Amino acid sequence: MKISDKLYAGFAIVISLATVVGIIGVVGMQKLKMSGLSMYEKQVIGIEQAGKAAFLFEQIRLDCRLAVISSLTINSYYDDKKWVFDVKKQFESKVALFRELMKTNKELATTDEMLNFHERIMDLFENNYLPAAKQIIDKSINDIPYHNGKLHINVMLSHINDITDRIANLMAGMTELNVAIAKQTSINNAAVTQRFIAMQILLLVLAVVFAIFIAFYIVKNIMVPINESAKALHEVAAGNFDARVTGDYGGEFAIIKNSVNTTAAAIKTHMNIISGVEYARKIQKNLLPPDSTFGDVFSDHCIIWKPRDIVSGDIYWIKHFEGGSVLCVCDCTGHGTPGALLTMLVVSALEAVVRPNNCEDTADIIWQIDKRLAQVFLRKTNDIKDGCDIAVLFIADDGSITLSSGHINVFVCNGKEVQRIRGQRIFVGEGSLKSKDDIETIRIPAYCDNKFYIASDGLFDQPGGELSAPFGYKAFEKIILENHAEKQSVISNKVWATFEEHRGAEPRVDDFELITFKPQGGVVSHGT
């Protein structure tokens, strides 16, 4: 049986008993009116109102738990939440009706003791129970769909049980006081009155007892599986991914059990994958040249390499030869694990093709890499582009530079202006290059003021700001020109800080790679 069916069945039985109590009460009151027993009639009305109030309070108590239970069945933002809000409205309407019933009880009170009962009940209800119950319902609704606070909600439920028991006891006491006063009333048809009161008390007690039984049954059959599910989820959150719900549950709780167990298993699998990727990150970082290698080539340098995910599709490579060094900056297709796999192919290709006899021929290096990658991919169609954007530079010992580039821009700043050397529109890895003659070679003389900047498109394409516009080239060129006299680490960190400020709350769209350096040697520049 579904949870909702259990609740509806319990409420139907309780309401049926209440209806029987009401019908008998109406018939009895008519008899007493016919007997002219006005005082007795007033006391019986008080008993009836107290019984209804007690029964209604039990419904309010159950509605509070029903709101918590119904919210737990919603596990997605796309699920229909109408039922939860209907339960909340039902709770609020019953609270209003309970107040009206208690107001009537106050008006029917004939002694100070009755007024005292009323004041104590309403004080507990208005100042203790109702605020806590509303907070529980609102917290349950706000906790949808992840149910992160369900443990706290269960604790709050247990805390108000003492208040509800005190209210129930006071209401039972108020009912008994009404009965005692009615018994003491002098009437002519005492036998009729006694039978009526006995029947009313019996039915009222039966209704209250049955309502408590129904509430206990619901709590036992609903809270136990919920608590076990919560415990399993808590253990998973603490790192025990083998935790499972083991109870033999049916209906909707079987679905909850399967969901919790499936989620725990999926998280365990995911964590194993993350562990593997973390190890892959260590391997990739070991492929990067140590910082000391750059110190041997450049008088000043800085490298900022920040993967968007755990591993990166961007990579850089440097190797010394007699007469100079080869620097390669590469942005492979994609990011994360696919991009990282491509970086390993690129590094392998660089190690194979860059030799002393061609280290100064940057166009030949790119052409050889293109051929090797195309052979690996075994390209038969042009549907998918797997490869990389790449810039290859040969930095001679005298500070002059020879470079070739596919899609990656190289920026040169001499303190007076910034020159952007645009990457050629070639994509390395397609195998479409016929020879190295298809690749442009640019030579830059050695000047002591020159500083070089190479970045992947993860810097320039990042959206941000109010208009979610790309970071672009202007802001970058402005930073490197205005801070030309600073060390490369200061300039690079200013670029990163400005990038982060521009990005704001936007997620990173790609890996971030920025290589900046100042060659050794060079002559003084006399003009632009």
Protein backbone atom coordinates (compact mmCIF):
# COMPACT_ATOMS: atom_id res chain seq x y z
CA MET A 1 0.00 0.00 0.00
CA LYS A 2 1.28 3.47 -0.88
CA ILE A 3 2.16 5.95 1.85
CA SER A 4 -0.71 8.22 0.76
CA ASP A 5 -3.18 5.30 0.85
CA LYS A 6 -2.10 4.45 4.42
CA LEU A 7 -2.59 8.02 5.53
CA TYR A 8 -5.95 8.40 3.81
CA ALA A 9 -7.20 5.11 5.29
CA GLY A 10 -6.20 6.17 8.80
CA PHE A 11 -7.79 9.59 8.46
CA ALA A 12 -10.98 8.06 7.02
CA ILE A 13 -11.39 5.79 10.04
CA VAL A 14 -10.71 8.61 12.49
CA ILE A 15 -13.14 10.92 10.67
CA SER A 16 -15.77 8.16 10.63
CA LEU A 17 -15.47 7.78 14.41
CA ALA A 18 -15.69 11.53 14.81
CA THR A 19 -18.84 11.56 12.65
CA VAL A 20 -20.43 8.86 14.83
CA VAL A 21 -19.54 10.86 17.94
CA GLY A 22 -21.07 13.95 16.38
CA ILE A 23 -24.33 12.23 15.36
CA ILE A 24 -24.82 10.69 18.77
CA GLY A 25 -24.02 14.01 20.39
CA VAL A 26 -26.65 15.84 18.32
CA VAL A 27 -29.31 13.24 19.15
CA GLY A 28 -28.46 13.34 22.85
CA MET A 29 -28.47 17.11 22.98
CA GLN A 30 -31.91 17.23 21.40
CA LYS A 31 -33.22 14.92 24.13
CA LEU A 32 -31.69 17.06 26.84
CA LYS A 33 -33.14 20.21 25.31
CA MET A 34 -36.54 18.59 25.28
CA SER A 35 -36.06 17.90 28.99
CA GLY A 36 -35.29 21.57 29.61
CA LEU A 37 -31.86 20.84 31.03
CA SER A 38 -30.14 24.09 29.98
CA MET A 39 -27.27 23.77 32.44
CA TYR A 40 -26.64 20.18 31.49
CA GLU A 41 -26.88 21.12 27.81
CA LYS A 42 -24.16 23.71 28.25
CA GLN A 43 -21.83 21.21 29.88
CA VAL A 44 -22.46 18.59 27.18
CA ILE A 45 -21.72 21.17 24.51
CA GLY A 46 -18.47 21.87 26.34
CA ILE A 47 -17.61 18.16 26.32
CA GLU A 48 -18.44 17.87 22.63
CA GLN A 49 -16.36 20.94 21.75
CA ALA A 50 -13.46 19.66 23.83
CA GLY A 51 -13.65 16.29 22.05
CA LYS A 52 -13.66 17.93 18.65
CA ALA A 53 -10.78 20.15 19.67
CA ALA A 54 -8.83 17.13 20.92
CA PHE A 55 -9.52 15.23 17.73
CA LEU A 56 -8.65 18.26 15.59
CA PHE A 57 -5.41 18.73 17.50
CA GLU A 58 -4.47 15.13 16.66
CA GLN A 59 -5.16 15.92 12.99
CA ILE A 60 -2.97 19.02 13.24
CA ARG A 61 -0.26 16.90 14.81
CA LEU A 62 -0.53 14.34 11.98
CA ASP A 63 -0.58 17.06 9.29
CA CYS A 64 2.76 18.34 10.57
CA ARG A 65 4.28 14.87 10.17
CA LEU A 66 2.47 14.38 6.83
CA ALA A 67 4.11 17.55 5.47
CA VAL A 68 7.56 16.20 6.41
CA ILE A 69 6.81 12.76 4.97
CA SER A 70 5.32 14.07 1.71
CA SER A 71 8.28 16.42 1.14
CA LEU A 72 10.66 13.44 1.36
CA THR A 73 8.93 11.80 -1.63
CA ILE A 74 10.00 14.71 -3.86
CA ASN A 75 13.52 14.09 -5.17
CA SER A 76 13.72 16.56 -8.07
CA TYR A 77 12.98 20.18 -8.89
CA TYR A 78 10.73 18.84 -11.63
CA ASP A 79 8.44 16.83 -9.32
CA ASP A 80 5.00 18.18 -8.51
CA LYS A 81 5.14 19.96 -5.14
CA LYS A 82 1.39 20.74 -5.05
CA TRP A 83 0.67 17.95 -2.58
CA VAL A 84 3.14 19.36 -0.04
CA PHE A 85 1.62 22.84 -0.25
CA ASP A 86 -1.90 21.33 -0.01
CA VAL A 87 -0.87 19.65 3.25
CA LYS A 88 0.46 22.99 4.53
CA LYS A 89 -2.84 24.73 3.65
CA GLN A 90 -4.77 21.89 5.31
CA PHE A 91 -2.61 22.34 8.42
CA GLU A 92 -3.28 26.12 8.52
CA SER A 93 -7.05 25.72 8.03
CA LYS A 94 -7.22 23.20 10.87
CA VAL A 95 -5.25 25.54 13.13
CA ALA A 96 -7.85 28.26 12.44
CA LEU A 97 -10.70 25.82 13.18
CA PHE A 98 -8.96 24.68 16.39
CA ARG A 99 -8.80 28.28 17.59
CA GLU A 100 -12.54 28.72 16.94
CA LEU A 101 -13.33 25.53 18.88
CA MET A 102 -11.19 26.65 21.82
CA LYS A 103 -12.86 30.07 21.72
CA THR A 104 -16.26 28.32 22.02
CA ASN A 105 -14.92 26.25 24.94
CA LYS A 106 -13.90 29.46 26.70
CA GLU A 107 -17.36 30.93 26.20
CA LEU A 108 -18.95 27.76 27.65
CA ALA A 109 -16.67 27.74 30.71
CA THR A 110 -18.61 28.05 33.97
CA THR A 111 -15.75 27.85 36.46
CA ASP A 112 -12.31 29.34 37.01
CA GLU A 113 -10.80 25.88 36.64
CA MET A 114 -12.19 25.59 33.12
CA LEU A 115 -10.77 29.02 32.18
CA ASN A 116 -7.41 27.99 33.62
CA PHE A 117 -7.36 24.85 31.44
CA HIS A 118 -8.21 26.93 28.39
CA GLU A 119 -5.47 29.49 29.05
CA ARG A 120 -2.81 26.81 29.65
CA ILE A 121 -3.76 24.90 26.50
CA MET A 122 -3.79 27.98 24.25
CA ASP A 123 -0.53 29.27 25.77
CA LEU A 124 1.23 25.99 24.96
CA PHE A 125 -0.39 25.79 21.54
CA GLU A 126 0.22 29.39 20.39
CA ASN A 127 3.63 30.05 21.96
CA ASN A 128 5.31 26.64 21.88
CA TYR A 129 3.77 24.09 19.54
CA LEU A 130 2.53 26.21 16.60
CA PRO A 131 5.79 28.17 15.92
CA ALA A 132 7.82 24.95 16.05
CA ALA A 133 5.38 23.07 13.80
CA LYS A 134 5.34 25.88 11.21
CA GLN A 135 9.14 25.97 11.23
CA ILE A 136 9.27 22.19 10.65
CA ILE A 137 6.82 22.39 7.71
CA ASP A 138 8.60 25.34 6.09
CA LYS A 139 12.02 23.71 6.57
CA SER A 140 10.69 20.47 5.00
CA ILE A 141 9.43 22.39 1.93
CA ASN A 142 12.66 24.39 1.61
CA ASP A 143 14.66 21.16 1.93
CA ILE A 144 13.18 19.83 -1.34
CA PRO A 145 14.61 18.04 -3.36
CA TYR A 146 17.99 17.15 -1.75
CA HIS A 147 16.70 16.65 1.86
CA ASN A 148 20.00 17.77 3.36
CA GLY A 149 18.27 18.88 6.57
CA LYS A 150 16.05 15.88 7.19
CA LEU A 151 18.07 14.77 10.22
CA HIS A 152 17.58 18.18 11.80
CA ILE A 153 13.85 18.04 10.94
CA ASN A 154 13.49 14.64 12.65
CA VAL A 155 15.21 16.04 15.75
CA MET A 156 12.79 19.00 15.75
CA LEU A 157 9.84 16.57 15.43
CA SER A 158 11.03 14.63 18.44
CA HIS A 159 11.42 17.87 20.44
CA ILE A 160 7.77 18.91 20.00
CA ASN A 161 6.41 15.49 21.04
CA ASP A 162 6.60 16.55 24.70
CA ILE A 163 4.58 19.71 23.94
CA THR A 164 1.91 17.78 22.05
CA ASP A 165 1.62 15.25 24.87
CA ARG A 166 1.17 18.05 27.41
CA ILE A 167 -1.52 19.67 25.26
CA ALA A 168 -3.30 16.32 24.79
CA ASN A 169 -3.19 15.68 28.55
CA LEU A 170 -4.55 19.16 29.31
CA MET A 171 -7.36 18.69 26.80
CA ALA A 172 -8.21 15.32 28.31
CA GLY A 173 -8.19 17.00 31.72
CA MET A 174 -10.45 19.78 30.45
CA THR A 175 -12.84 17.15 29.11
CA GLU A 176 -12.86 15.30 32.43
CA LEU A 177 -13.52 18.57 34.28
CA ASN A 178 -16.51 19.24 32.03
CA VAL A 179 -17.80 15.77 32.81
CA ALA A 180 -17.35 16.27 36.55
CA ILE A 181 -19.25 19.57 36.47
CA ALA A 182 -22.03 17.99 34.42
CA LYS A 183 -22.35 15.17 36.97
CA GLN A 184 -22.68 17.67 39.77
CA THR A 185 -25.49 19.53 38.02
CA SER A 186 -28.84 18.96 39.60
CA ILE A 187 -31.24 17.65 36.96
CA ASN A 188 -34.52 15.85 36.92
CA ASN A 189 -33.62 13.16 34.39
CA ALA A 190 -30.30 12.10 35.93
CA ALA A 191 -30.48 8.63 34.38
CA VAL A 192 -30.71 9.98 30.82
CA THR A 193 -27.93 12.45 31.49
CA GLN A 194 -25.60 9.82 32.97
CA ARG A 195 -26.14 7.43 30.05
CA PHE A 196 -25.51 10.20 27.56
CA ILE A 197 -22.34 11.42 29.27
CA ALA A 198 -21.02 7.84 29.60
CA MET A 199 -21.62 7.21 25.92
CA GLN A 200 -20.00 10.50 24.91
CA ILE A 201 -16.94 9.90 27.09
CA LEU A 202 -16.58 6.35 25.84
CA LEU A 203 -16.77 7.34 22.20
CA LEU A 204 -14.48 10.31 22.77
CA VAL A 205 -11.87 8.15 24.48
CA LEU A 206 -12.16 5.57 21.70
CA ALA A 207 -11.67 8.30 19.08
CA VAL A 208 -8.64 9.73 20.88
CA VAL A 209 -7.14 6.28 21.50
CA PHE A 210 -7.70 5.25 17.91
CA ALA A 211 -6.24 8.52 16.63
CA ILE A 212 -3.14 7.94 18.77
CA PHE A 213 -2.95 4.35 17.50
CA ILE A 214 -3.19 5.52 13.89
CA ALA A 215 -0.50 8.15 14.52
CA PHE A 216 1.77 5.53 16.13
CA TYR A 217 1.20 3.11 13.26
CA ILE A 218 2.03 5.75 10.65
CA VAL A 219 5.16 6.88 12.49
CA LYS A 220 6.37 3.32 12.95
CA ASN A 221 5.80 2.27 9.34
CA ILE A 222 7.08 5.47 7.75
CA MET A 223 9.80 6.88 10.01
CA VAL A 224 11.72 3.58 10.36
CA PRO A 225 12.55 3.27 6.64
CA ILE A 226 13.15 7.02 6.41
CA ASN A 227 15.59 6.89 9.33
CA GLU A 228 17.44 3.92 7.85
CA SER A 229 17.70 5.71 4.49
CA ALA A 230 18.94 8.85 6.24
CA LYS A 231 21.54 6.83 8.15
CA ALA A 232 22.80 5.20 4.94
CA LEU A 233 23.06 8.59 3.20
CA HIS A 234 24.89 10.04 6.21
CA GLU A 235 27.45 7.21 6.06
CA VAL A 236 27.91 7.76 2.32
CA ALA A 237 28.47 11.48 2.97
CA ALA A 238 31.08 10.52 5.58
CA GLY A 239 32.97 8.44 3.01
CA ASN A 240 31.54 4.95 3.55
CA PHE A 241 30.42 4.23 -0.02
CA ASP A 242 29.52 0.63 0.85
CA ALA A 243 26.62 1.75 3.11
CA ARG A 244 23.25 0.37 1.98
CA VAL A 245 19.58 0.30 3.04
CA THR A 246 18.88 -3.35 3.94
CA GLY A 247 15.30 -3.30 5.29
CA ASP A 248 12.59 -5.27 3.51
CA TYR A 249 10.28 -2.44 2.42
CA GLY A 250 7.52 -2.35 -0.14
CA GLY A 251 5.75 0.30 -2.19
CA GLU A 252 7.29 3.74 -2.35
CA PHE A 253 9.88 2.88 0.29
CA ALA A 254 11.19 0.14 -1.98
CA ILE A 255 11.78 2.87 -4.59
CA ILE A 256 13.54 5.03 -1.98
CA LYS A 257 15.67 2.05 -0.91
CA ASN A 258 16.68 1.30 -4.51
CA SER A 259 17.41 4.98 -5.16
CA VAL A 260 19.65 5.30 -2.09
CA ASN A 261 21.52 2.07 -2.83
CA THR A 262 21.92 2.91 -6.53
CA THR A 263 23.16 6.40 -5.66
CA ALA A 264 25.69 5.03 -3.17
CA ALA A 265 27.01 2.58 -5.77
CA ALA A 266 27.19 5.34 -8.42
CA ILE A 267 29.09 7.64 -6.05
CA LYS A 268 31.56 4.85 -5.30
CA THR A 269 32.13 4.33 -9.04
CA HIS A 270 32.47 8.08 -9.57
CA MET A 271 35.01 8.42 -6.76
CA ASN A 272 37.05 5.58 -8.27
CA ILE A 273 37.04 7.45 -11.58
CA ILE A 274 38.04 10.72 -9.86
CA SER A 275 40.89 8.87 -8.16
CA GLY A 276 42.13 7.68 -11.54
CA VAL A 277 41.89 11.15 -13.06
CA GLU A 278 43.76 12.62 -10.08
CA TYR A 279 46.57 10.16 -10.75
CA ALA A 280 46.47 11.18 -14.42
CA ARG A 281 46.94 14.79 -13.29
CA LYS A 282 50.17 13.79 -11.52
CA ILE A 283 51.38 12.08 -14.68
CA GLN A 284 50.52 15.13 -16.81
CA LYS A 285 52.28 17.52 -14.42
CA ASN A 286 55.37 15.33 -14.67
CA LEU A 287 55.28 15.82 -18.46
CA LEU A 288 55.67 19.58 -17.98
CA PRO A 289 59.26 20.84 -17.95
CA PRO A 290 60.58 22.01 -14.55
CA ASP A 291 60.71 25.74 -13.90
CA SER A 292 64.50 25.64 -13.72
CA THR A 293 64.61 24.74 -17.43
CA PHE A 294 63.11 28.14 -18.27
CA GLY A 295 65.55 29.89 -15.96
CA ASP A 296 68.43 28.54 -18.01
CA VAL A 297 67.00 30.07 -21.22
CA PHE A 298 65.34 33.35 -20.17
CA SER A 299 66.47 36.27 -18.04
CA ASP A 300 62.93 36.45 -16.60
CA HIS A 301 59.83 34.32 -17.07
CA CYS A 302 56.51 33.25 -15.53
CA ILE A 303 54.12 30.39 -16.25
CA ILE A 304 50.45 30.17 -15.20
CA TRP A 305 48.92 26.80 -16.07
CA LYS A 306 45.45 26.15 -14.62
CA PRO A 307 43.31 23.28 -15.95
CA ARG A 308 39.58 23.92 -16.06
CA ASP A 309 39.03 20.35 -14.86
CA ILE A 310 41.42 18.04 -13.04
CA VAL A 311 43.59 17.52 -16.12
CA SER A 312 44.21 19.93 -18.99
CA GLY A 313 44.15 20.05 -22.78
CA ASP A 314 46.85 22.77 -22.70
CA ILE A 315 50.52 21.94 -22.41
CA TYR A 316 53.95 23.51 -22.93
CA TRP A 317 57.32 21.95 -23.79
CA ILE A 318 60.91 23.21 -23.98
CA LYS A 319 64.20 21.61 -24.95
CA HIS A 320 67.79 22.93 -25.16
CA PHE A 321 70.04 22.50 -28.17
CA GLU A 322 73.38 23.91 -29.19
CA GLY A 323 72.75 27.50 -30.21
CA GLY A 324 69.31 27.86 -28.64
CA SER A 325 66.14 26.28 -27.29
CA VAL A 326 62.77 25.18 -28.73
CA LEU A 327 59.62 26.26 -26.89
CA CYS A 328 56.24 24.79 -27.83
CA VAL A 329 52.89 26.07 -26.47
CA CYS A 330 49.95 23.85 -27.35
CA ASP A 331 46.15 23.94 -26.93
CA CYS A 332 44.66 20.54 -27.81
CA THR A 333 41.07 19.88 -28.85
CA GLY A 334 38.75 19.95 -25.83
CA HIS A 335 39.70 19.99 -22.18
CA GLY A 336 39.62 17.55 -19.28
CA THR A 337 40.45 13.90 -19.97
CA PRO A 338 40.11 13.94 -23.82
CA GLY A 339 42.31 17.01 -24.11
CA ALA A 340 44.84 15.57 -21.67
CA LEU A 341 45.16 12.39 -23.76
CA LEU A 342 45.91 14.51 -26.81
CA THR A 343 48.60 16.44 -24.92
CA MET A 344 50.41 13.17 -24.30
CA LEU A 345 50.38 12.45 -28.04
CA VAL A 346 51.71 15.95 -28.77
CA VAL A 347 54.54 15.61 -26.23
CA SER A 348 55.42 12.21 -27.65
CA ALA A 349 55.46 13.69 -31.15
CA LEU A 350 57.66 16.61 -30.05
CA GLU A 351 60.17 14.28 -28.43
CA ALA A 352 60.32 12.30 -31.68
CA VAL A 353 60.48 15.05 -34.31
CA VAL A 354 62.53 17.87 -32.70
CA ARG A 355 66.16 17.11 -33.37
CA PRO A 356 69.41 19.14 -33.54
CA ASN A 357 69.21 19.18 -37.34
CA ASN A 358 65.76 20.86 -37.45
CA CYS A 359 65.46 22.64 -34.09
CA GLU A 360 65.75 26.07 -35.76
CA ASP A 361 63.21 25.19 -38.48
CA THR A 362 59.91 25.84 -36.65
CA ALA A 363 57.82 25.30 -39.80
CA ASP A 364 59.32 21.83 -40.26
CA ILE A 365 58.59 20.96 -36.62
CA ILE A 366 54.89 21.84 -37.02
CA TRP A 367 54.68 19.94 -40.32
CA GLN A 368 56.25 16.82 -38.78
CA ILE A 369 53.84 16.97 -35.81
CA ASP A 370 50.88 17.32 -38.17
CA LYS A 371 51.95 14.21 -40.09
CA ARG A 372 52.45 12.17 -36.91
CA LEU A 373 49.10 13.14 -35.37
CA ALA A 374 47.27 12.48 -38.64
CA GLN A 375 48.80 8.97 -38.75
CA VAL A 376 47.66 8.30 -35.16
CA PHE A 377 44.10 9.46 -35.82
CA LEU A 378 43.90 7.45 -39.09
CA ARG A 379 41.63 10.15 -40.46
CA LYS A 380 39.21 9.00 -43.17
CA THR A 381 36.62 11.80 -42.94
CA ASN A 382 36.62 15.45 -41.94
CA ASP A 383 33.64 15.14 -39.59
CA ILE A 384 35.69 15.52 -36.40
CA LYS A 385 38.73 17.69 -35.81
CA ASP A 386 41.18 16.13 -33.43
CA GLY A 387 44.45 17.95 -33.04
CA CYS A 388 45.76 21.19 -31.61
CA ASP A 389 46.53 24.87 -31.94
CA ILE A 390 50.28 25.25 -31.55
CA ALA A 391 53.03 27.85 -31.44
CA VAL A 392 56.67 26.74 -31.89
CA LEU A 393 59.50 29.16 -31.14
CA PHE A 394 63.26 28.79 -31.47
CA ILE A 395 64.98 31.15 -29.00
CA ALA A 396 68.59 31.63 -30.10
CA ASP A 397 71.28 32.22 -27.52
CA ASP A 398 71.68 35.81 -28.79
CA GLY A 399 67.99 36.54 -28.00
CA SER A 400 66.61 36.44 -31.55
CA ILE A 401 63.49 34.36 -32.12
CA THR A 402 62.15 32.26 -35.00
CA LEU A 403 58.52 31.22 -34.73
CA SER A 404 55.68 29.47 -36.55
CA SER A 405 52.16 29.26 -35.20
CA GLY A 406 48.81 27.71 -35.94
CA HIS A 407 45.92 29.70 -34.41
CA ILE A 408 47.92 30.80 -31.33
CA ASN A 409 48.85 34.47 -31.13
CA VAL A 410 52.28 35.57 -29.91
CA PHE A 411 52.49 39.03 -28.31
CA VAL A 412 55.72 41.08 -28.29
CA CYS A 413 55.96 44.16 -26.05
CA ASN A 414 58.93 46.55 -26.10
CA GLY A 415 57.52 49.02 -23.56
CA LYS A 416 56.26 51.40 -26.26
CA GLU A 417 53.78 49.24 -28.10
CA VAL A 418 52.41 45.70 -28.25
CA GLN A 419 52.76 43.73 -31.48
CA ARG A 420 50.32 40.84 -31.92
CA ILE A 421 51.69 38.17 -34.25
CA ARG A 422 48.58 36.33 -35.35
CA GLY A 423 48.67 32.57 -35.58
CA GLN A 424 48.30 31.16 -39.07
CA ARG A 425 44.90 29.62 -39.92
CA ILE A 426 46.10 26.03 -39.86
CA PHE A 427 44.93 23.22 -37.61
CA VAL A 428 47.65 20.75 -36.70
CA GLY A 429 46.55 17.13 -36.74
CA GLU A 430 44.27 17.16 -39.79
CA GLY A 431 47.06 16.00 -42.10
CA SER A 432 46.03 18.65 -44.64
CA LEU A 433 49.46 20.31 -44.86
CA LYS A 434 51.27 19.34 -48.07
CA SER A 435 54.73 20.45 -46.93
CA LYS A 436 56.47 22.73 -44.51
CA ASP A 437 56.24 25.43 -47.17
CA ASP A 438 52.55 25.80 -46.25
CA ILE A 439 53.65 27.12 -42.86
CA GLU A 440 54.84 30.68 -42.32
CA THR A 441 58.11 31.39 -40.50
CA ILE A 442 58.60 34.72 -38.70
CA ARG A 443 61.95 36.02 -37.41
CA ILE A 444 62.23 38.62 -34.66
CA PRO A 445 65.60 40.29 -34.07
CA ALA A 446 67.06 40.37 -30.57
CA TYR A 447 66.20 43.55 -28.65
CA CYS A 448 66.84 43.86 -24.95
CA ASP A 449 63.45 45.53 -24.34
CA ASN A 450 61.39 42.73 -25.92
CA LYS A 451 59.13 40.60 -23.74
CA PHE A 452 57.03 37.76 -25.16
CA TYR A 453 53.56 36.52 -24.15
CA ILE A 454 51.79 33.38 -25.37
CA ALA A 455 48.33 32.34 -24.13
CA SER A 456 45.69 29.81 -25.10
CA ASP A 457 42.14 30.87 -26.00
CA GLY A 458 40.99 29.94 -22.48
CA LEU A 459 42.13 33.47 -21.54
CA PHE A 460 40.70 35.47 -24.42
CA ASP A 461 37.38 33.60 -24.93
CA GLN A 462 36.30 33.62 -21.26
CA PRO A 463 32.90 35.39 -20.91
CA GLY A 464 32.27 37.74 -18.01
CA GLY A 465 31.12 41.18 -16.95
CA GLU A 466 27.56 42.52 -17.13
CA LEU A 467 27.22 41.64 -20.83
CA SER A 468 28.93 38.22 -20.49
CA ALA A 469 31.40 39.36 -23.18
CA PRO A 470 34.77 37.64 -23.92
CA PHE A 471 37.86 38.89 -22.09
CA GLY A 472 39.42 39.69 -25.49
CA TYR A 473 42.81 41.10 -26.48
CA LYS A 474 42.56 44.80 -25.58
CA ALA A 475 42.50 44.33 -21.81
CA PHE A 476 45.41 41.88 -22.05
CA GLU A 477 47.52 44.21 -24.22
CA LYS A 478 46.79 47.14 -21.90
CA ILE A 479 48.05 45.22 -18.84
CA ILE A 480 51.32 44.06 -20.41
CA LEU A 481 52.07 47.49 -21.89
CA GLU A 482 51.33 49.51 -18.73
CA ASN A 483 53.34 47.10 -16.53
CA HIS A 484 56.23 46.47 -18.93
CA ALA A 485 58.85 47.55 -16.38
CA GLU A 486 57.62 45.00 -13.81
CA LYS A 487 58.91 41.44 -13.41
CA GLN A 488 57.16 38.81 -15.51
CA SER A 489 55.62 37.21 -12.40
CA VAL A 490 54.00 40.55 -11.42
CA ILE A 491 52.65 41.12 -14.93
CA SER A 492 51.33 37.55 -15.22
CA ASN A 493 49.61 37.69 -11.81
CA LYS A 494 47.93 40.98 -12.80
CA VAL A 495 46.62 39.29 -15.94
CA TRP A 496 45.23 36.42 -13.85
CA ALA A 497 43.65 38.77 -11.28
CA THR A 498 42.00 40.84 -14.02
CA PHE A 499 40.82 37.64 -15.71
CA GLU A 500 39.20 36.41 -12.48
CA GLU A 501 37.59 39.80 -11.83
CA HIS A 502 36.19 39.80 -15.37
CA ARG A 503 34.92 36.21 -15.02
CA GLY A 504 33.05 36.90 -11.78
CA ALA A 505 30.46 34.18 -11.20
CA GLU A 506 30.77 32.77 -14.72
CA PRO A 507 32.21 29.23 -14.89
CA ARG A 508 35.54 28.70 -16.63
CA VAL A 509 34.94 27.71 -20.26
CA ASP A 510 38.41 26.33 -21.02
CA ASP A 511 41.86 25.62 -19.65
CA PHE A 512 44.08 28.63 -18.83
CA GLU A 513 47.68 28.73 -20.08
CA LEU A 514 49.93 31.81 -20.07
CA ILE A 515 53.70 31.67 -20.85
CA THR A 516 55.64 34.93 -20.52
CA PHE A 517 59.38 35.47 -20.87
CA LYS A 518 62.20 37.86 -21.62
CA PRO A 519 65.07 36.38 -23.70
CA GLN A 520 68.66 36.74 -22.65
CA GLY A 521 70.91 39.04 -24.63
CA GLY A 522 69.67 41.44 -27.29
CA VAL A 523 70.65 44.96 -28.35
CA VAL A 524 69.08 48.28 -27.40
CA SER A 525 66.14 49.20 -29.62
CA HIS A 526 66.22 52.62 -31.36
CA GLY A 527 62.61 53.07 -32.37
CA THR A 528 59.50 51.01 -32.88
